[in-house]
C-alpha atoms as a PDB file:
ATOM      1  CA  UNK A   1      56.493  20.001 -20.418  1.00  0.00           C
ATOM      2  CA  UNK A   2      55.568  16.858 -18.457  1.00  0.00           C
ATOM      3  CA  UNK A   3      53.805  13.732 -19.693  1.00  0.00           C
ATOM      4  CA  UNK A   4      52.936  11.148 -17.047  1.00  0.00           C
ATOM      5  CA  UNK A   5      50.839   8.732 -19.121  1.00  0.00           C
ATOM      6  CA  UNK A   6      52.394   7.012 -22.145  1.00  0.00           C
ATOM      7  CA  UNK A   7      52.580   3.557 -23.709  1.00  0.00           C
ATOM      8  CA  UNK A   8      55.342   1.549 -25.376  1.00  0.00           C
ATOM      9  CA  UNK A   9      55.627  -1.799 -27.121  1.00  0.00           C
ATOM     10  CA  UNK A  10      55.382  -3.392 -23.676  1.00  0.00           C
ATOM     11  CA  UNK A  11      51.612  -2.993 -24.111  1.00  0.00           C
ATOM     12  CA  UNK A  12      49.811  -1.399 -27.073  1.00  0.00           C
ATOM     13  CA  UNK A  13      52.194   1.432 -27.926  1.00  0.00           C
ATOM     14  CA  UNK A  14      54.045   1.634 -31.227  1.00  0.00           C
ATOM     15  CA  UNK A  15      57.476   2.693 -29.926  1.00  0.00           C
ATOM     16  CA  UNK A  16      60.116   1.022 -27.794  1.00  0.00           C
ATOM     17  CA  UNK A  17      60.920   3.035 -24.637  1.00  0.00           C
ATOM     18  CA  UNK A  18      64.119   4.616 -25.950  1.00  0.00           C
ATOM     19  CA  UNK A  19      62.446   5.963 -29.072  1.00  0.00           C
ATOM     20  CA  UNK A  20      59.409   7.209 -27.168  1.00  0.00           C
ATOM     21  CA  UNK A  21      61.647   9.063 -24.740  1.00  0.00           C
ATOM     22  CA  UNK A  22      63.710  10.583 -27.548  1.00  0.00           C
ATOM     23  CA  UNK A  23      60.661  11.726 -29.503  1.00  0.00           C
ATOM     24  CA  UNK A  24      59.138  13.204 -26.341  1.00  0.00           C
ATOM     25  CA  UNK A  25      62.336  15.131 -25.644  1.00  0.00           C
ATOM     26  CA  UNK A  26      62.234  16.628 -29.159  1.00  0.00           C
ATOM     27  CA  UNK A  27      58.709  17.828 -28.304  1.00  0.00           C
ATOM     28  CA  UNK A  28      60.102  19.619 -25.266  1.00  0.00           C
ATOM     29  CA  UNK A  29      59.095  17.078 -22.616  1.00  0.00           C
ATOM     30  CA  UNK A  30      61.329  17.185 -19.527  1.00  0.00           C
ATOM     31  CA  UNK A  31      59.673  14.439 -17.466  1.00  0.00           C
ATOM     32  CA  UNK A  32      57.987  11.366 -18.928  1.00  0.00           C
ATOM     33  CA  UNK A  33      56.360   8.359 -17.262  1.00  0.00           C
ATOM     34  CA  UNK A  34      56.255   4.981 -18.977  1.00  0.00           C
ATOM     35  CA  UNK A  35      52.865   3.568 -17.941  1.00  0.00           C
ATOM     36  CA  UNK A  36      52.024   0.536 -20.014  1.00  0.00           C
ATOM     37  CA  UNK A  37      48.699  -1.225 -19.509  1.00  0.00           C
ATOM     38  CA  UNK A  38      48.783  -3.782 -16.736  1.00  0.00           C
ATOM     39  CA  UNK A  39      46.608  -6.251 -14.869  1.00  0.00           C
ATOM     40  CA  UNK A  40      47.414  -9.296 -12.759  1.00  0.00           C
ATOM     41  CA  UNK A  41      48.685 -11.154 -15.834  1.00  0.00           C
ATOM     42  CA  UNK A  42      51.605  -8.834 -16.550  1.00  0.00           C
ATOM     43  CA  UNK A  43      52.248  -6.291 -13.773  1.00  0.00           C
ATOM     44  CA  UNK A  44      55.082  -8.441 -12.478  1.00  0.00           C
ATOM     45  CA  UNK A  45      56.659  -8.295 -15.939  1.00  0.00           C
ATOM     46  CA  UNK A  46      56.044  -4.652 -16.849  1.00  0.00           C
ATOM     47  CA  UNK A  47      57.074  -2.902 -13.652  1.00  0.00           C
ATOM     48  CA  UNK A  48      60.541  -4.489 -13.259  1.00  0.00           C
ATOM     49  CA  UNK A  49      61.287  -3.864 -16.950  1.00  0.00           C
ATOM     50  CA  UNK A  50      60.254  -0.218 -16.683  1.00  0.00           C
ATOM     51  CA  UNK A  51      62.396   0.180 -13.568  1.00  0.00           C
ATOM     52  CA  UNK A  52      65.381  -1.200 -15.451  1.00  0.00           C
ATOM     53  CA  UNK A  53      64.914   0.898 -18.571  1.00  0.00           C
ATOM     54  CA  UNK A  54      64.252   4.073 -16.566  1.00  0.00           C
ATOM     55  CA  UNK A  55      67.398   3.581 -14.514  1.00  0.00           C
ATOM     56  CA  UNK A  56      69.506   3.090 -17.638  1.00  0.00           C
ATOM     57  CA  UNK A  57      68.001   6.003 -19.568  1.00  0.00           C
ATOM     58  CA  UNK A  58      68.319   8.287 -16.550  1.00  0.00           C
ATOM     59  CA  UNK A  59      72.018   7.429 -16.364  1.00  0.00           C
ATOM     60  CA  UNK A  60      72.525   9.209 -19.701  1.00  0.00           C
ATOM     61  CA  UNK A  61      72.457  12.973 -20.223  1.00  0.00           C
ATOM     62  CA  UNK A  62      69.243  13.055 -22.266  1.00  0.00           C
ATOM     63  CA  UNK A  63      67.681  16.227 -20.943  1.00  0.00           C
ATOM     64  CA  UNK A  64      64.599  14.270 -19.863  1.00  0.00           C
ATOM     65  CA  UNK A  65      63.825  12.291 -16.706  1.00  0.00           C
ATOM     66  CA  UNK A  66      62.080   8.931 -17.045  1.00  0.00           C
ATOM     67  CA  UNK A  67      59.628   7.691 -14.403  1.00  0.00           C
ATOM     68  CA  UNK A  68      58.775   3.966 -14.282  1.00  0.00           C
ATOM     69  CA  UNK A  69      55.081   3.325 -13.805  1.00  0.00           C
ATOM     70  CA  UNK A  70      52.060   1.323 -14.896  1.00  0.00           C
ATOM     71  CA  UNK A  71      48.456   1.953 -15.901  1.00  0.00           C
ATOM     72  CA  UNK A  72      46.089  -0.460 -14.163  1.00  0.00           C
ATOM     73  CA  UNK A  73      43.653  -1.239 -16.968  1.00  0.00           C
ATOM     74  CA  UNK A  74      40.232  -2.938 -16.966  1.00  0.00           C
ATOM     75  CA  UNK A  75      40.878  -4.628 -13.627  1.00  0.00           C
ATOM     76  CA  UNK A  76      37.482  -5.197 -11.955  1.00  0.00           C
ATOM     77  CA  UNK A  77      36.826  -2.494  -9.361  1.00  0.00           C
ATOM     78  CA  UNK A  78      37.065  -4.949  -6.471  1.00  0.00           C
ATOM     79  CA  UNK A  79      40.616  -5.851  -7.571  1.00  0.00           C
ATOM     80  CA  UNK A  80      41.991  -2.365  -8.139  1.00  0.00           C
ATOM     81  CA  UNK A  81      43.287  -1.812  -4.601  1.00  0.00           C
ATOM     82  CA  UNK A  82      45.223  -5.096  -4.778  1.00  0.00           C
ATOM     83  CA  UNK A  83      46.613  -4.188  -8.216  1.00  0.00           C
ATOM     84  CA  UNK A  84      47.758  -0.762  -7.006  1.00  0.00           C
ATOM     85  CA  UNK A  85      49.376  -2.345  -3.944  1.00  0.00           C
ATOM     86  CA  UNK A  86      51.124  -4.965  -6.092  1.00  0.00           C
ATOM     87  CA  UNK A  87      52.467  -2.360  -8.494  1.00  0.00           C
ATOM     88  CA  UNK A  88      53.865  -0.280  -5.652  1.00  0.00           C
ATOM     89  CA  UNK A  89      55.398  -3.326  -3.975  1.00  0.00           C
ATOM     90  CA  UNK A  90      57.246  -4.064  -7.215  1.00  0.00           C
ATOM     91  CA  UNK A  91      58.693  -0.562  -7.239  1.00  0.00           C
ATOM     92  CA  UNK A  92      56.406   1.392  -9.570  1.00  0.00           C
ATOM     93  CA  UNK A  93      57.052   5.079  -8.951  1.00  0.00           C
ATOM     94  CA  UNK A  94      53.761   6.141 -10.522  1.00  0.00           C
ATOM     95  CA  UNK A  95      50.470   4.261 -10.577  1.00  0.00           C
ATOM     96  CA  UNK A  96      47.801   5.375 -13.031  1.00  0.00           C
ATOM     97  CA  UNK A  97      44.372   3.759 -13.236  1.00  0.00           C
ATOM     98  CA  UNK A  98      42.451   3.621 -16.521  1.00  0.00           C
ATOM     99  CA  UNK A  99      39.286   5.516 -15.688  1.00  0.00           C
ATOM    100  CA  UNK A 100      35.692   5.140 -16.840  1.00  0.00           C
ATOM    101  CA  UNK A 101      35.904   6.586 -20.325  1.00  0.00           C
ATOM    102  CA  UNK A 102      33.005   7.099 -22.707  1.00  0.00           C
ATOM    103  CA  UNK A 103      34.834   5.296 -25.525  1.00  0.00           C
ATOM    104  CA  UNK A 104      35.643   2.025 -23.723  1.00  0.00           C
ATOM    105  CA  UNK A 105      33.494  -0.347 -21.636  1.00  0.00           C
ATOM    106  CA  UNK A 106      35.371   0.137 -18.365  1.00  0.00           C
ATOM    107  CA  UNK A 107      33.437  -1.374 -15.454  1.00  0.00           C
ATOM    108  CA  UNK A 108      31.260   1.029 -13.465  1.00  0.00           C
ATOM    109  CA  UNK A 109      32.830   1.720 -10.100  1.00  0.00           C
ATOM    110  CA  UNK A 110      36.368   1.882 -11.486  1.00  0.00           C
ATOM    111  CA  UNK A 111      36.753   5.616 -10.853  1.00  0.00           C
ATOM    112  CA  UNK A 112      35.772   5.320  -7.204  1.00  0.00           C
ATOM    113  CA  UNK A 113      37.879   2.213  -6.635  1.00  0.00           C
ATOM    114  CA  UNK A 114      40.943   3.914  -8.112  1.00  0.00           C
ATOM    115  CA  UNK A 115      40.502   6.972  -5.921  1.00  0.00           C
ATOM    116  CA  UNK A 116      39.900   4.905  -2.804  1.00  0.00           C
ATOM    117  CA  UNK A 117      43.012   2.841  -3.604  1.00  0.00           C
ATOM    118  CA  UNK A 118      45.111   6.006  -3.680  1.00  0.00           C
ATOM    119  CA  UNK A 119      46.277   5.844  -7.289  1.00  0.00           C
ATOM    120  CA  UNK A 120      48.467   8.774  -8.249  1.00  0.00           C
ATOM    121  CA  UNK A 121      46.443   9.641 -11.356  1.00  0.00           C
ATOM    122  CA  UNK A 122      42.954   8.675 -12.502  1.00  0.00           C
ATOM    123  CA  UNK A 123      43.264   8.716 -16.289  1.00  0.00           C
ATOM    124  CA  UNK A 124      40.522  10.121 -18.535  1.00  0.00           C
ATOM    125  CA  UNK A 125      37.799   9.652 -15.888  1.00  0.00           C
ATOM    126  CA  UNK A 126      34.943  10.422 -18.275  1.00  0.00           C
ATOM    127  CA  UNK A 127      31.620  11.270 -16.676  1.00  0.00           C
ATOM    128  CA  UNK A 128      33.024  11.221 -13.157  1.00  0.00           C
ATOM    129  CA  UNK A 129      30.534  12.184 -10.453  1.00  0.00           C
ATOM    130  CA  UNK A 130      30.654  15.141  -8.088  1.00  0.00           C
ATOM    131  CA  UNK A 131      31.039  12.757  -5.150  1.00  0.00           C
ATOM    132  CA  UNK A 132      34.000  11.043  -6.797  1.00  0.00           C
ATOM    133  CA  UNK A 133      35.696  14.333  -7.635  1.00  0.00           C
ATOM    134  CA  UNK A 134      35.256  15.502  -4.040  1.00  0.00           C
ATOM    135  CA  UNK A 135      36.790  12.213  -2.873  1.00  0.00           C
ATOM    136  CA  UNK A 136      39.734  12.698  -5.237  1.00  0.00           C
ATOM    137  CA  UNK A 137      40.285  16.156  -3.770  1.00  0.00           C
ATOM    138  CA  UNK A 138      40.370  14.702  -0.241  1.00  0.00           C
ATOM    139  CA  UNK A 139      42.628  11.811  -1.207  1.00  0.00           C
ATOM    140  CA  UNK A 140      45.042  13.865  -3.305  1.00  0.00           C
ATOM    141  CA  UNK A 141      44.421  11.861  -6.471  1.00  0.00           C
ATOM    142  CA  UNK A 142      45.101  13.803  -9.667  1.00  0.00           C
ATOM    143  CA  UNK A 143      42.412  13.790 -12.353  1.00  0.00           C
ATOM    144  CA  UNK A 144      43.674  13.680 -15.898  1.00  0.00           C
ATOM    145  CA  UNK A 145      42.846  16.106 -18.666  1.00  0.00           C
ATOM    146  CA  UNK A 146      43.568  13.916 -21.670  1.00  0.00           C
ATOM    147  CA  UNK A 147      45.111  14.727 -25.004  1.00  0.00           C
ATOM    148  CA  UNK A 148      43.992  11.358 -26.352  1.00  0.00           C
ATOM    149  CA  UNK A 149      41.383  11.215 -29.102  1.00  0.00           C
ATOM    150  CA  UNK A 150      38.066   9.955 -27.752  1.00  0.00           C
ATOM    151  CA  UNK A 151      39.131  10.103 -24.141  1.00  0.00           C
ATOM    152  CA  UNK A 152      39.251  13.894 -24.478  1.00  0.00           C
ATOM    153  CA  UNK A 153      35.499  14.092 -25.131  1.00  0.00           C
ATOM    154  CA  UNK A 154      34.762  14.628 -21.422  1.00  0.00           C
ATOM    155  CA  UNK A 155      37.654  16.948 -20.565  1.00  0.00           C
ATOM    156  CA  UNK A 156      35.325  19.900 -20.075  1.00  0.00           C
ATOM    157  CA  UNK A 157      33.183  17.973 -17.583  1.00  0.00           C
ATOM    158  CA  UNK A 158      36.242  16.849 -15.618  1.00  0.00           C
ATOM    159  CA  UNK A 159      37.713  20.358 -15.541  1.00  0.00           C
ATOM    160  CA  UNK A 160      34.478  21.993 -14.433  1.00  0.00           C
ATOM    161  CA  UNK A 161      33.930  19.627 -11.514  1.00  0.00           C
ATOM    162  CA  UNK A 162      37.586  19.758 -10.460  1.00  0.00           C
ATOM    163  CA  UNK A 163      37.505  23.553 -10.356  1.00  0.00           C
ATOM    164  CA  UNK A 164      34.237  23.540  -8.414  1.00  0.00           C
ATOM    165  CA  UNK A 165      35.342  20.923  -5.877  1.00  0.00           C
ATOM    166  CA  UNK A 166      39.059  21.581  -5.510  1.00  0.00           C
ATOM    167  CA  UNK A 167      40.506  18.457  -7.123  1.00  0.00           C
ATOM    168  CA  UNK A 168      43.955  18.619  -8.715  1.00  0.00           C
ATOM    169  CA  UNK A 169      44.258  18.312 -12.482  1.00  0.00           C
ATOM    170  CA  UNK A 170      47.160  17.078 -14.589  1.00  0.00           C
ATOM    171  CA  UNK A 171      47.554  16.991 -18.362  1.00  0.00           C
ATOM    172  CA  UNK A 172      48.824  13.854 -20.123  1.00  0.00           C
ATOM    173  CA  UNK A 173      48.817  12.695 -23.729  1.00  0.00           C
ATOM    174  CA  UNK A 174      48.166   8.964 -23.204  1.00  0.00           C
ATOM    175  CA  UNK A 175      50.471   8.546 -26.187  1.00  0.00           C
ATOM    176  CA  UNK A 176      50.406   5.284 -28.103  1.00  0.00           C
ATOM    177  CA  UNK A 177      52.041   6.528 -31.331  1.00  0.00           C
ATOM    178  CA  UNK A 178      54.499   9.265 -32.335  1.00  0.00           C
ATOM    179  CA  UNK A 179      51.720  11.572 -33.490  1.00  0.00           C
ATOM    180  CA  UNK A 180      50.088  11.500 -30.054  1.00  0.00           C
ATOM    181  CA  UNK A 181      52.941  13.310 -28.324  1.00  0.00           C
ATOM    182  CA  UNK A 182      52.432  17.011 -27.617  1.00  0.00           C
ATOM    183  CA  UNK A 183      54.558  19.975 -26.762  1.00  0.00           C
ATOM    184  CA  UNK A 184      53.566  22.647 -24.275  1.00  0.00           C
ATOM    185  CA  UNK A 185      51.672  24.882 -26.680  1.00  0.00           C
ATOM    186  CA  UNK A 186      49.618  21.952 -28.004  1.00  0.00           C
ATOM    187  CA  UNK A 187      48.811  20.913 -24.433  1.00  0.00           C
ATOM    188  CA  UNK A 188      47.765  24.448 -23.546  1.00  0.00           C
ATOM    189  CA  UNK A 189      45.356  24.525 -26.469  1.00  0.00           C
ATOM    190  CA  UNK A 190      43.717  21.312 -25.265  1.00  0.00           C
ATOM    191  CA  UNK A 191      43.455  22.665 -21.728  1.00  0.00           C
ATOM    192  CA  UNK A 192      41.965  25.953 -22.887  1.00  0.00           C
ATOM    193  CA  UNK A 193      39.560  24.013 -25.077  1.00  0.00           C
ATOM    194  CA  UNK A 194      38.424  22.211 -21.944  1.00  0.00           C
ATOM    195  CA  UNK A 195      37.389  25.514 -20.390  1.00  0.00           C
ATOM    196  CA  UNK A 196      40.482  26.759 -18.566  1.00  0.00           C
ATOM    197  CA  UNK A 197      41.874  30.239 -19.053  1.00  0.00           C
ATOM    198  CA  UNK A 198      45.586  30.587 -19.858  1.00  0.00           C
ATOM    199  CA  UNK A 199      46.537  30.986 -16.199  1.00  0.00           C
ATOM    200  CA  UNK A 200      44.572  27.910 -15.204  1.00  0.00           C
ATOM    201  CA  UNK A 201      46.021  25.902 -18.090  1.00  0.00           C
ATOM    202  CA  UNK A 202      49.551  26.837 -17.059  1.00  0.00           C
ATOM    203  CA  UNK A 203      48.762  25.771 -13.490  1.00  0.00           C
ATOM    204  CA  UNK A 204      47.709  22.323 -14.718  1.00  0.00           C
ATOM    205  CA  UNK A 205      51.006  22.018 -16.605  1.00  0.00           C
ATOM    206  CA  UNK A 206      52.836  23.046 -13.435  1.00  0.00           C
ATOM    207  CA  UNK A 207      50.962  20.363 -11.481  1.00  0.00           C
ATOM    208  CA  UNK A 208      52.680  17.814 -13.701  1.00  0.00           C
ATOM    209  CA  UNK A 209      56.071  19.206 -12.742  1.00  0.00           C
ATOM    210  CA  UNK A 210      55.186  19.161  -9.057  1.00  0.00           C
ATOM    211  CA  UNK A 211      54.028  15.554  -9.194  1.00  0.00           C
ATOM    212  CA  UNK A 212      57.027  14.387 -11.243  1.00  0.00           C
ATOM    213  CA  UNK A 213      59.522  16.097  -8.928  1.00  0.00           C
ATOM    214  CA  UNK A 214      57.797  14.696  -5.858  1.00  0.00           C
ATOM    215  CA  UNK A 215      57.936  11.171  -7.268  1.00  0.00           C
ATOM    216  CA  UNK A 216      61.639  11.512  -8.055  1.00  0.00           C
ATOM    217  CA  UNK A 217      62.449  13.154  -4.724  1.00  0.00           C
ATOM    218  CA  UNK A 218      63.375  16.430  -6.380  1.00  0.00           C
ATOM    219  CA  UNK A 219      60.715  18.530  -4.679  1.00  0.00           C
END
């Protein structure tokens, strides 16, 4: 199992990184990304700290690989490209952008700006348009199928358009608390509930492995 979108006490999560990683491992997670919420006020704090904690945790034999990242959150669309560039310049291995969800007032245009900026993952992109999904397919941006309450409302829409237009999907929990973490079977149920058959759901899980291994140079 892979989970490339999680939060710790460095933003609005309930767990410090070490506990989050341990609890994820118990759930069967083999790769986890620490992607706390960031904008121009704190990216320069979050990314170096995540790099440090990931390096230390990866030095232990934990049975799980930790990827240091960030989730660009509520940055105005015209600033997203600069935020993505800043995060990468600081060493973030994975850049997620908080998409236009139906349960938060994210600025219109965020989905497109994130895709154009070349984010690795567009999180819970809500009522994303056909044009934006086609652009994500061309740019190689992964669209998230979310396990997060509320954000999951539009999973079926995202899955349908991605299948029609050839965009890559990845499953993440967007965990903020211990109860948000999921094992493989829980993730498969969410994916099948979004309209995928078992084979398609397993392929989305495998996409997470491919992306994680690529980021870590294991591919």
